[in-house]
């Protein structure tokens, strides 16, 4: 049995300046812990695969398409595909999230399969 301690995971900064830790990434799934400082926003133009956010700490707002959802610790939010989304820390404390999504190789196969199914 193997466990992964978040404080020992490799850290990186997203291209939007959000601090993050790569907890796990294999051929099927990726888990990332992200920390948004007050006032920071994480924006993704369009989500093409399943994406789930679990709020570890803090409060904020998630926007998916035209909908706004207040976030607080303990919430799990599934993000639908094909919609722009953003998460904003509009509070005064850090907002910490756990993001879970299919790994890029798995996502590419899934999208190709979806396109194949849509053909007449």
Protein backbone atom coordinates (compact mmCIF):
# COMPACT_ATOMS: atom_id res chain seq x y z
CA UNK A 1 0.00 0.00 0.00
CA UNK A 2 1.26 3.44 -0.90
CA UNK A 3 0.13 6.85 0.29
CA UNK A 4 0.87 10.31 -1.02
CA UNK A 5 1.35 13.15 1.44
CA UNK A 6 0.37 16.49 -0.15
CA UNK A 7 3.17 18.38 1.57
CA UNK A 8 5.76 16.14 -0.14
CA UNK A 9 4.27 16.43 -3.66
CA UNK A 10 6.11 18.36 -6.40
CA UNK A 11 5.05 22.01 -6.45
CA UNK A 12 4.60 24.23 -9.48
CA UNK A 13 2.90 27.47 -10.49
CA UNK A 14 0.23 27.38 -13.17
CA UNK A 15 0.54 29.65 -16.18
CA UNK A 16 -1.90 31.93 -14.31
CA UNK A 17 0.38 32.16 -11.25
CA UNK A 18 -1.63 29.80 -9.04
CA UNK A 19 0.48 27.74 -6.61
CA UNK A 20 -0.19 24.02 -7.03
CA UNK A 21 1.06 20.57 -6.02
CA UNK A 22 0.94 17.55 -8.32
CA UNK A 23 -0.35 14.81 -6.03
CA UNK A 24 -0.78 12.06 -8.60
CA UNK A 25 -0.70 11.67 -12.35
CA UNK A 26 -0.86 8.35 -14.13
CA UNK A 27 -2.29 7.14 -17.45
CA UNK A 28 -5.87 7.49 -16.17
CA UNK A 29 -6.22 10.32 -13.68
CA UNK A 30 -4.53 13.45 -12.33
CA UNK A 31 -4.97 15.02 -8.87
CA UNK A 32 -3.74 18.57 -8.22
CA UNK A 33 -3.99 20.63 -5.04
CA UNK A 34 -4.24 24.34 -5.88
CA UNK A 35 -4.09 27.34 -3.54
CA UNK A 36 -5.58 30.66 -4.58
CA UNK A 37 -4.61 33.75 -2.63
CA UNK A 38 -7.32 36.32 -1.91
CA UNK A 39 -8.22 38.03 -5.19
CA UNK A 40 -6.72 35.32 -7.43
CA UNK A 41 -8.75 33.73 -10.23
CA UNK A 42 -8.16 30.46 -12.05
CA UNK A 43 -9.71 30.57 -15.52
CA UNK A 44 -10.15 27.75 -18.04
CA UNK A 45 -11.72 28.86 -21.35
CA UNK A 46 -13.49 25.56 -22.13
CA UNK A 47 -13.35 22.27 -20.27
CA UNK A 48 -13.21 19.30 -22.64
CA UNK A 49 -13.18 16.54 -20.07
CA UNK A 50 -14.68 15.62 -16.73
CA UNK A 51 -13.31 17.82 -13.97
CA UNK A 52 -14.07 17.73 -10.25
CA UNK A 53 -13.18 20.26 -7.57
CA UNK A 54 -13.20 19.52 -3.85
CA UNK A 55 -12.85 22.59 -1.62
CA UNK A 56 -10.31 21.82 1.11
CA UNK A 57 -10.18 25.27 2.79
CA UNK A 58 -11.63 28.71 2.41
CA UNK A 59 -14.45 30.19 0.36
CA UNK A 60 -14.82 31.55 -3.13
CA UNK A 61 -16.98 31.51 -6.25
CA UNK A 62 -17.05 29.11 -9.18
CA UNK A 63 -18.43 30.21 -12.53
CA UNK A 64 -19.42 27.58 -15.09
CA UNK A 65 -20.94 29.06 -18.24
CA UNK A 66 -23.40 31.69 -16.99
CA UNK A 67 -23.88 30.09 -13.57
CA UNK A 68 -22.23 31.25 -10.32
CA UNK A 69 -21.84 28.96 -7.33
CA UNK A 70 -20.55 30.09 -3.91
CA UNK A 71 -17.87 27.68 -2.65
CA UNK A 72 -16.97 26.73 0.89
CA UNK A 73 -14.86 24.03 2.53
CA UNK A 74 -16.24 20.52 2.13
CA UNK A 75 -18.03 21.08 -1.19
CA UNK A 76 -17.51 18.78 -4.19
CA UNK A 77 -18.29 20.40 -7.54
CA UNK A 78 -18.40 18.42 -10.78
CA UNK A 79 -17.69 20.65 -13.77
CA UNK A 80 -19.58 19.80 -16.95
CA UNK A 81 -17.71 19.54 -20.24
CA UNK A 82 -17.82 22.10 -23.03
CA UNK A 83 -18.31 25.17 -20.79
CA UNK A 84 -15.87 27.92 -19.81
CA UNK A 85 -15.18 27.97 -16.08
CA UNK A 86 -13.38 29.97 -13.45
CA UNK A 87 -12.74 29.81 -9.73
CA UNK A 88 -12.18 33.04 -7.82
CA UNK A 89 -11.04 33.57 -4.26
CA UNK A 90 -13.19 36.53 -3.29
CA UNK A 91 -12.53 35.99 0.41
CA UNK A 92 -9.79 37.21 2.74
CA UNK A 93 -8.26 33.76 3.45
CA UNK A 94 -6.54 31.30 1.07
CA UNK A 95 -8.82 29.05 -1.02
CA UNK A 96 -7.44 25.52 -1.34
CA UNK A 97 -8.88 23.09 -3.89
CA UNK A 98 -8.31 19.52 -4.94
CA UNK A 99 -8.83 19.10 -8.69
CA UNK A 100 -9.35 15.68 -10.25
CA UNK A 101 -9.48 15.06 -14.01
CA UNK A 102 -8.58 12.44 -16.63
CA UNK A 103 -4.90 12.49 -17.57
CA UNK A 104 -4.14 14.00 -21.00
CA UNK A 105 -3.57 10.66 -22.77
CA UNK A 106 -6.77 9.20 -21.36
CA UNK A 107 -8.71 12.37 -22.19
CA UNK A 108 -7.48 12.30 -25.80
CA UNK A 109 -8.67 8.71 -26.24
CA UNK A 110 -12.02 9.56 -24.67
CA UNK A 111 -12.56 12.57 -26.98
CA UNK A 112 -11.60 10.51 -30.04
CA UNK A 113 -14.07 7.81 -28.99
CA UNK A 114 -16.79 10.44 -28.52
CA UNK A 115 -16.17 11.85 -32.01
CA UNK A 116 -16.31 8.32 -33.46
CA UNK A 117 -19.66 7.65 -31.71
CA UNK A 118 -21.15 10.89 -33.12
CA UNK A 119 -20.46 9.90 -36.74
CA UNK A 120 -23.50 8.55 -38.66
